[in-house]
């Protein structure tokens, strides 16, 4: 009984939030429109427990075959991919220098 009342109250809360959002987005400033909308929300909220019980008894139980539903693949967000290697120092290269001089640049000379 308590579970049904909690479910009905949550559905009533969602209905009220949807109507409030709809009135806000439509910029409804006419008091008659707002009064009718909130009256409908009040009546629907009061009838929600009875409507829930009536819908549960009137609608047939539908069994969904679970074998046809594809399993969900987990999203792996923890995998880190290395885009480019990180270099600490970048030494300027003189294209006119002999090839053996490129290897002897110290980090202090590379900083400037």
N, C-alpha and C. Protein backbone atom coordinates (compact mmCIF):
# COMPACT_ATOMS: atom_id res chain seq x y z
N UNK A 1 0.82 -1.19 0.00
CA UNK A 1 0.00 0.00 0.00
C UNK A 1 0.87 1.27 0.00
N UNK A 2 1.89 1.26 0.85
CA UNK A 2 2.77 2.42 0.92
C UNK A 2 3.56 2.59 -0.37
N UNK A 3 3.97 1.46 -0.95
CA UNK A 3 4.73 1.51 -2.21
C UNK A 3 3.88 2.13 -3.32
N UNK A 4 2.58 1.80 -3.34
CA UNK A 4 1.69 2.36 -4.36
C UNK A 4 1.51 3.86 -4.16
N UNK A 5 1.38 4.30 -2.90
CA UNK A 5 1.20 5.72 -2.62
C UNK A 5 2.46 6.53 -2.95
N UNK A 6 3.62 5.95 -2.67
CA UNK A 6 4.88 6.65 -3.00
C UNK A 6 5.02 6.77 -4.51
N UNK A 7 4.70 5.69 -5.24
CA UNK A 7 4.76 5.74 -6.70
C UNK A 7 3.79 6.75 -7.28
N UNK A 8 2.58 6.80 -6.73
CA UNK A 8 1.59 7.77 -7.21
C UNK A 8 2.01 9.20 -6.91
N UNK A 9 2.63 9.41 -5.74
CA UNK A 9 3.07 10.77 -5.40
C UNK A 9 4.23 11.21 -6.30
N UNK A 10 5.11 10.28 -6.64
CA UNK A 10 6.21 10.64 -7.55
C UNK A 10 5.69 10.95 -8.95
N UNK A 11 4.71 10.19 -9.41
CA UNK A 11 4.12 10.49 -10.73
C UNK A 11 3.39 11.83 -10.70
N UNK A 12 2.73 12.14 -9.59
CA UNK A 12 2.06 13.44 -9.46
C UNK A 12 3.07 14.58 -9.45
N UNK A 13 4.18 14.36 -8.79
CA UNK A 13 5.24 15.38 -8.76
C UNK A 13 5.81 15.61 -10.16
N UNK A 14 6.04 14.53 -10.90
CA UNK A 14 6.54 14.67 -12.28
C UNK A 14 5.52 15.37 -13.17
N UNK A 15 4.24 15.07 -12.98
CA UNK A 15 3.20 15.74 -13.75
C UNK A 15 3.17 17.23 -13.44
N UNK A 16 3.27 17.58 -12.17
CA UNK A 16 3.27 19.00 -11.78
C UNK A 16 4.50 19.72 -12.33
N UNK A 17 5.65 19.05 -12.29
CA UNK A 17 6.87 19.67 -12.84
C UNK A 17 6.76 19.87 -14.34
N UNK A 18 6.17 18.89 -15.04
CA UNK A 18 6.02 19.03 -16.49
C UNK A 18 5.05 20.15 -16.84
N UNK A 19 3.96 20.26 -16.09
CA UNK A 19 3.00 21.34 -16.37
C UNK A 19 3.61 22.69 -16.02
N UNK A 20 4.32 22.79 -14.92
CA UNK A 20 4.98 24.05 -14.56
C UNK A 20 6.00 24.46 -15.60
N UNK A 21 6.78 23.51 -16.08
CA UNK A 21 7.76 23.80 -17.12
C UNK A 21 7.07 24.21 -18.42
N UNK A 22 5.99 23.53 -18.75
CA UNK A 22 5.24 23.88 -19.96
C UNK A 22 4.64 25.27 -19.89
N UNK A 23 4.11 25.63 -18.74
CA UNK A 23 3.55 26.98 -18.58
C UNK A 23 4.65 28.04 -18.64
N UNK A 24 5.81 27.72 -18.11
CA UNK A 24 6.92 28.67 -18.15
C UNK A 24 7.46 28.84 -19.57
N UNK A 25 7.62 27.72 -20.28
CA UNK A 25 8.16 27.80 -21.64
C UNK A 25 7.19 28.45 -22.61
N UNK A 26 5.89 28.29 -22.37
CA UNK A 26 4.89 28.90 -23.25
C UNK A 26 4.58 30.34 -22.87
N UNK A 27 5.17 30.81 -21.79
CA UNK A 27 4.94 32.18 -21.30
C UNK A 27 3.45 32.43 -21.11
N UNK A 28 2.78 31.47 -20.48
CA UNK A 28 1.34 31.60 -20.22
C UNK A 28 1.14 32.57 -19.07
N UNK A 29 0.62 33.75 -19.38
CA UNK A 29 0.39 34.77 -18.36
C UNK A 29 -1.09 34.95 -18.05
N UNK A 30 -1.94 34.34 -18.85
CA UNK A 30 -3.37 34.43 -18.63
C UNK A 30 -3.74 33.63 -17.38
N UNK A 31 -4.35 34.28 -16.39
CA UNK A 31 -4.66 33.57 -15.14
C UNK A 31 -5.67 32.44 -15.33
N UNK A 32 -6.55 32.55 -16.33
CA UNK A 32 -7.53 31.49 -16.57
C UNK A 32 -6.85 30.22 -17.08
N UNK A 33 -5.86 30.40 -17.95
CA UNK A 33 -5.12 29.25 -18.48
C UNK A 33 -4.33 28.58 -17.37
N UNK A 34 -3.69 29.39 -16.53
CA UNK A 34 -2.91 28.83 -15.43
C UNK A 34 -3.81 28.12 -14.41
N UNK A 35 -4.98 28.69 -14.12
CA UNK A 35 -5.91 28.08 -13.17
C UNK A 35 -6.42 26.74 -13.69
N UNK A 36 -6.75 26.67 -14.98
CA UNK A 36 -7.22 25.42 -15.56
C UNK A 36 -6.11 24.37 -15.54
N UNK A 37 -4.88 24.77 -15.88
CA UNK A 37 -3.76 23.83 -15.89
C UNK A 37 -3.51 23.26 -14.50
N UNK A 38 -3.48 24.11 -13.48
CA UNK A 38 -3.19 23.62 -12.13
C UNK A 38 -4.38 22.86 -11.54
N UNK A 39 -5.60 23.16 -11.98
CA UNK A 39 -6.76 22.38 -11.55
C UNK A 39 -6.70 20.97 -12.12
N UNK A 40 -6.28 20.87 -13.38
CA UNK A 40 -6.12 19.54 -13.99
C UNK A 40 -5.03 18.76 -13.26
N UNK A 41 -3.94 19.41 -12.89
CA UNK A 41 -2.87 18.74 -12.15
C UNK A 41 -3.39 18.27 -10.79
N UNK A 42 -4.17 19.08 -10.10
CA UNK A 42 -4.71 18.71 -8.80
C UNK A 42 -5.64 17.51 -8.90
N UNK A 43 -6.56 17.53 -9.86
CA UNK A 43 -7.50 16.42 -10.03
C UNK A 43 -6.75 15.15 -10.43
N UNK A 44 -5.80 15.27 -11.34
CA UNK A 44 -5.03 14.10 -11.76
C UNK A 44 -4.20 13.54 -10.61
N UNK A 45 -3.66 14.41 -9.76
CA UNK A 45 -2.88 13.96 -8.61
C UNK A 45 -3.75 13.24 -7.59
N UNK A 46 -4.97 13.73 -7.40
CA UNK A 46 -5.87 13.06 -6.46
C UNK A 46 -6.36 11.72 -7.00
N UNK A 47 -6.49 11.59 -8.30
CA UNK A 47 -6.94 10.34 -8.90
C UNK A 47 -5.79 9.38 -9.22
N UNK A 48 -4.56 9.79 -9.02
CA UNK A 48 -3.41 8.99 -9.40
C UNK A 48 -3.36 7.61 -8.72
N UNK A 49 -3.59 7.49 -7.40
CA UNK A 49 -3.55 6.14 -6.80
C UNK A 49 -4.63 5.22 -7.38
N UNK A 50 -5.83 5.73 -7.58
CA UNK A 50 -6.90 4.90 -8.15
C UNK A 50 -6.60 4.55 -9.60
N UNK A 51 -6.06 5.50 -10.35
CA UNK A 51 -5.74 5.24 -11.75
C UNK A 51 -4.61 4.23 -11.86
N UNK A 52 -3.67 4.27 -10.93
CA UNK A 52 -2.57 3.31 -10.95
C UNK A 52 -3.08 1.90 -10.67
N UNK A 53 -3.96 1.76 -9.69
CA UNK A 53 -4.51 0.44 -9.36
C UNK A 53 -5.40 -0.06 -10.49
N UNK A 54 -6.19 0.82 -11.09
CA UNK A 54 -7.07 0.42 -12.19
C UNK A 54 -6.26 0.02 -13.42
N UNK A 55 -5.20 0.76 -13.72
CA UNK A 55 -4.37 0.43 -14.87
C UNK A 55 -3.63 -0.89 -14.66
N UNK A 56 -3.21 -1.16 -13.42
CA UNK A 56 -2.50 -2.40 -13.14
C UNK A 56 -3.41 -3.61 -13.28
N UNK A 57 -4.69 -3.45 -12.95
CA UNK A 57 -5.61 -4.58 -13.04
C UNK A 57 -6.21 -4.71 -14.44
N UNK A 58 -6.33 -3.61 -15.18
CA UNK A 58 -6.98 -3.66 -16.49
C UNK A 58 -6.03 -4.06 -17.61
N UNK A 59 -4.77 -3.66 -17.51
CA UNK A 59 -3.82 -3.95 -18.58
C UNK A 59 -3.23 -5.34 -18.41
N UNK A 60 -3.07 -6.05 -19.50
CA UNK A 60 -2.47 -7.39 -19.39
C UNK A 60 -0.96 -7.29 -19.14
N UNK A 61 -0.45 -8.33 -18.50
CA UNK A 61 1.00 -8.40 -18.30
C UNK A 61 1.65 -8.81 -19.61
N UNK A 62 2.63 -8.05 -20.03
CA UNK A 62 3.33 -8.33 -21.28
C UNK A 62 4.72 -8.85 -20.93
N UNK A 63 5.03 -10.03 -21.44
CA UNK A 63 6.35 -10.61 -21.19
C UNK A 63 7.26 -10.28 -22.36
N UNK A 64 8.39 -9.70 -22.07
CA UNK A 64 9.37 -9.37 -23.09
C UNK A 64 10.41 -10.47 -23.16
N UNK A 65 10.67 -11.01 -24.36
CA UNK A 65 11.71 -12.03 -24.46
C UNK A 65 13.08 -11.40 -24.24
N UNK A 66 13.79 -11.88 -23.26
CA UNK A 66 15.07 -11.30 -22.91
C UNK A 66 16.19 -11.74 -23.85
N UNK A 67 16.00 -12.82 -24.59
CA UNK A 67 17.06 -13.30 -25.47
C UNK A 67 17.24 -12.39 -26.69
N UNK A 68 16.23 -11.61 -27.04
CA UNK A 68 16.32 -10.74 -28.21
C UNK A 68 16.96 -9.40 -27.90
N UNK A 69 17.06 -9.06 -26.64
CA UNK A 69 17.65 -7.78 -26.26
C UNK A 69 19.16 -7.94 -26.24
N UNK A 70 19.85 -7.09 -26.98
CA UNK A 70 21.31 -7.17 -27.07
C UNK A 70 21.93 -6.71 -25.75
N UNK A 71 22.97 -7.39 -25.30
CA UNK A 71 23.63 -6.94 -24.07
C UNK A 71 24.36 -5.63 -24.30
N UNK A 72 24.38 -4.82 -23.26
CA UNK A 72 25.04 -3.52 -23.38
C UNK A 72 26.53 -3.68 -23.20
N UNK A 73 27.28 -2.99 -24.02
CA UNK A 73 28.73 -3.02 -23.95
C UNK A 73 29.18 -1.90 -23.02
N UNK A 74 29.96 -2.21 -21.99
CA UNK A 74 30.38 -1.14 -21.08
C UNK A 74 31.29 -0.15 -21.79
N UNK A 75 31.12 1.09 -21.45
CA UNK A 75 31.94 2.16 -22.00
C UNK A 75 33.21 2.28 -21.17
N UNK A 76 34.34 2.16 -21.81
CA UNK A 76 35.62 2.24 -21.10
C UNK A 76 36.16 3.65 -21.25
N UNK A 77 36.04 4.43 -20.19
CA UNK A 77 36.52 5.80 -20.23
C UNK A 77 37.87 5.95 -19.54
N UNK A 78 38.33 4.86 -18.92
CA UNK A 78 39.57 4.95 -18.19
C UNK A 78 40.80 4.65 -19.04
N UNK A 79 40.59 4.30 -20.29
CA UNK A 79 41.72 3.98 -21.16
C UNK A 79 42.36 5.28 -21.61
N UNK A 80 43.65 5.41 -21.34
CA UNK A 80 44.36 6.61 -21.75
C UNK A 80 45.14 6.31 -23.01
N UNK A 81 44.94 7.13 -24.00
CA UNK A 81 45.68 6.95 -25.25
C UNK A 81 46.71 8.06 -25.35
N UNK A 82 47.88 7.70 -25.82
CA UNK A 82 48.95 8.67 -25.96
C UNK A 82 48.89 9.23 -27.37
N UNK A 83 48.63 10.51 -27.48
CA UNK A 83 48.49 11.15 -28.78
C UNK A 83 49.85 11.38 -29.40
N UNK A 84 50.75 11.97 -28.66
CA UNK A 84 52.10 12.26 -29.16
C UNK A 84 53.05 12.14 -27.99
N UNK A 85 54.29 11.75 -28.26
CA UNK A 85 55.25 11.67 -27.15
C UNK A 85 55.53 13.07 -26.60
N UNK A 86 55.72 13.13 -25.30
CA UNK A 86 55.99 14.40 -24.64
C UNK A 86 57.49 14.61 -24.54
N UNK A 87 57.98 15.73 -25.02
CA UNK A 87 59.39 16.06 -24.95
C UNK A 87 59.57 17.20 -23.97
N UNK A 88 60.60 17.07 -23.15
CA UNK A 88 60.84 18.09 -22.15
C UNK A 88 61.57 19.29 -22.75
N UNK A 89 62.53 19.04 -23.64
CA UNK A 89 63.32 20.11 -24.22
C UNK A 89 63.24 20.02 -25.73
N UNK A 90 63.18 21.16 -26.36
CA UNK A 90 63.24 21.21 -27.82
C UNK A 90 64.45 22.05 -28.20
N UNK A 91 65.43 21.42 -28.78
CA UNK A 91 66.66 22.12 -29.14
C UNK A 91 66.56 22.64 -30.56
N UNK A 92 66.99 23.88 -30.81
CA UNK A 92 67.00 24.38 -32.18
C UNK A 92 68.07 23.65 -32.98
N UNK A 93 67.75 23.29 -34.18
CA UNK A 93 68.68 22.54 -35.03
C UNK A 93 69.22 23.47 -36.11
N UNK A 94 70.52 23.52 -36.20
CA UNK A 94 71.18 24.30 -37.24
C UNK A 94 71.38 23.38 -38.44
N UNK A 95 70.76 23.68 -39.55
CA UNK A 95 70.83 22.81 -40.71
C UNK A 95 72.20 22.86 -41.40
N UNK A 96 72.99 23.90 -41.12
CA UNK A 96 74.32 24.01 -41.72
C UNK A 96 75.40 23.33 -40.89
N UNK A 97 75.08 22.87 -39.69
CA UNK A 97 76.08 22.25 -38.81
C UNK A 97 76.34 20.81 -39.26
N UNK A 98 77.52 20.28 -38.90
CA UNK A 98 77.82 18.88 -39.22
C UNK A 98 76.87 17.94 -38.44
N UNK A 99 76.63 16.73 -38.94
CA UNK A 99 75.66 15.83 -38.31
C UNK A 99 75.99 15.45 -36.88
N UNK A 100 77.23 15.36 -36.48
CA UNK A 100 77.57 14.95 -35.12
C UNK A 100 77.31 16.05 -34.10
N UNK A 101 77.15 17.29 -34.51
CA UNK A 101 76.92 18.39 -33.59
C UNK A 101 75.47 18.39 -33.07
N UNK A 102 74.54 17.79 -33.80
CA UNK A 102 73.14 17.77 -33.37
C UNK A 102 72.98 16.99 -32.07
N UNK A 103 73.75 15.94 -31.88
CA UNK A 103 73.60 15.08 -30.71
C UNK A 103 74.23 15.68 -29.47
N UNK A 104 75.09 16.68 -29.59
CA UNK A 104 75.81 17.19 -28.43
C UNK A 104 75.18 18.45 -27.83
N UNK A 105 73.93 18.72 -28.13
CA UNK A 105 73.28 19.92 -27.57
C UNK A 105 72.82 19.56 -26.17
N UNK A 106 73.21 20.36 -25.17
CA UNK A 106 72.82 20.11 -23.78
C UNK A 106 71.46 20.76 -23.51
N UNK A 107 70.76 20.28 -22.49
CA UNK A 107 69.47 20.90 -22.15
C UNK A 107 69.59 22.36 -21.76
N UNK A 108 70.69 22.75 -21.13
CA UNK A 108 70.87 24.14 -20.74
C UNK A 108 71.03 25.02 -21.98
N UNK A 109 71.71 24.51 -23.00
CA UNK A 109 71.88 25.29 -24.22
C UNK A 109 70.58 25.35 -25.00
N UNK A 110 69.76 24.35 -24.86
CA UNK A 110 68.49 24.33 -25.58
C UNK A 110 67.52 25.33 -25.03
N UNK A 111 67.59 25.63 -23.71
CA UNK A 111 66.69 26.59 -23.10
C UNK A 111 67.02 28.01 -23.50
N UNK A 112 68.17 28.23 -23.95
CA UNK A 112 68.50 29.57 -24.43
C UNK A 112 69.48 30.22 -23.59
